[in-house]
Amino acid sequence: MTILASSQTLASASSSWLFTGVGVLVVAVLLCTFWYGSRRAARKPTPPQEPQPRSDSWQTPDAAGAPERSDP
């Protein structure tokens, strides 16, 4: 029975190192992707601060010669 108990102890110890290594790797990948994403966001141009033509979503299209619509 002693041999069986020691083999189970070794198995659990080796798997804990594996899970620790995988966890550290996942955290490193997440930190790198956050760092890369924040660098990409910092390089994006800022939107202009003055009002742009047709910036209101409720404006009607500027169609030349389009008939006026009225509610029935």
Protein backbone atom coordinates (compact mmCIF):
# COMPACT_ATOMS: atom_id res chain seq x y z
CA MET A 1 0.00 0.00 0.00
CA THR A 2 2.93 2.32 0.60
CA ILE A 3 4.09 2.08 -3.02
CA LEU A 4 0.63 2.98 -4.32
CA ALA A 5 0.37 6.03 -2.05
CA SER A 6 3.80 7.35 -3.05
CA SER A 7 3.04 6.96 -6.77
CA GLN A 8 -0.19 8.93 -6.36
CA THR A 9 1.71 11.67 -4.55
CA LEU A 10 4.24 11.90 -7.38
CA ALA A 11 1.48 11.99 -9.99
CA SER A 12 -0.31 14.84 -8.28
CA ALA A 13 2.93 16.79 -7.82
CA SER A 14 3.87 16.52 -11.49
CA SER A 15 0.42 17.58 -12.67
CA SER A 16 0.43 20.59 -10.35
CA TRP A 17 3.64 21.84 -12.02
CA LEU A 18 2.01 21.30 -15.39
CA PHE A 19 -1.08 23.31 -14.42
CA THR A 20 1.07 26.05 -12.91
CA GLY A 21 3.12 26.28 -16.11
CA VAL A 22 0.01 26.41 -18.29
CA GLY A 23 -1.50 29.07 -16.03
CA VAL A 24 1.62 31.23 -16.21
CA LEU A 25 1.63 30.84 -20.00
CA VAL A 26 -2.02 31.89 -20.27
CA VAL A 27 -1.44 34.95 -18.09
CA ALA A 28 1.61 35.91 -20.18
CA VAL A 29 -0.38 35.61 -23.43
CA LEU A 30 -3.20 37.73 -22.00
CA LEU A 31 -0.80 40.42 -20.84
CA CYS A 32 0.92 40.50 -24.24
CA THR A 33 -2.38 40.81 -26.11
CA PHE A 34 -3.51 43.64 -23.81
CA TRP A 35 -0.19 45.43 -24.34
CA TYR A 36 -0.41 44.98 -28.13
CA GLY A 37 -4.04 46.17 -28.22
CA SER A 38 -3.30 49.27 -26.20
CA ARG A 39 -0.41 50.13 -28.51
CA ARG A 40 -2.70 49.76 -31.55
CA ALA A 41 -5.37 51.95 -29.91
CA ALA A 42 -2.78 54.63 -29.12
CA ARG A 43 -1.72 54.76 -32.78
CA LYS A 44 -5.28 55.32 -34.03
CA PRO A 45 -5.93 58.87 -35.23
CA THR A 46 -8.26 60.92 -33.08
CA PRO A 47 -11.61 61.81 -34.62
CA PRO A 48 -12.07 65.44 -35.66
CA GLN A 49 -13.67 67.62 -32.99
CA GLU A 50 -15.59 69.96 -35.32
CA PRO A 51 -19.03 68.82 -36.57
CA GLN A 52 -18.92 66.77 -39.74
CA PRO A 53 -21.44 67.01 -42.57
CA ARG A 54 -24.22 64.44 -42.20
CA SER A 55 -23.03 63.40 -38.75
CA ASP A 56 -26.58 63.27 -37.42
CA SER A 57 -28.05 59.82 -37.86
CA TRP A 58 -31.56 61.18 -38.40
CA GLN A 59 -30.75 63.33 -41.44
CA THR A 60 -32.35 62.43 -44.73
CA PRO A 61 -30.13 61.63 -47.70
CA ASP A 62 -29.13 64.47 -50.01
CA ALA A 63 -30.74 63.15 -53.19
CA ALA A 64 -31.16 65.66 -56.02
CA GLY A 65 -34.65 65.51 -57.50
CA ALA A 66 -35.97 63.02 -55.00
CA PRO A 67 -39.74 63.41 -54.48
CA GLU A 68 -40.87 64.64 -51.09
CA ARG A 69 -42.61 62.01 -49.01
CA SER A 70 -45.60 62.85 -46.90
CA ASP A 71 -47.44 60.81 -44.31
CA PRO A 72 -50.89 59.60 -45.45
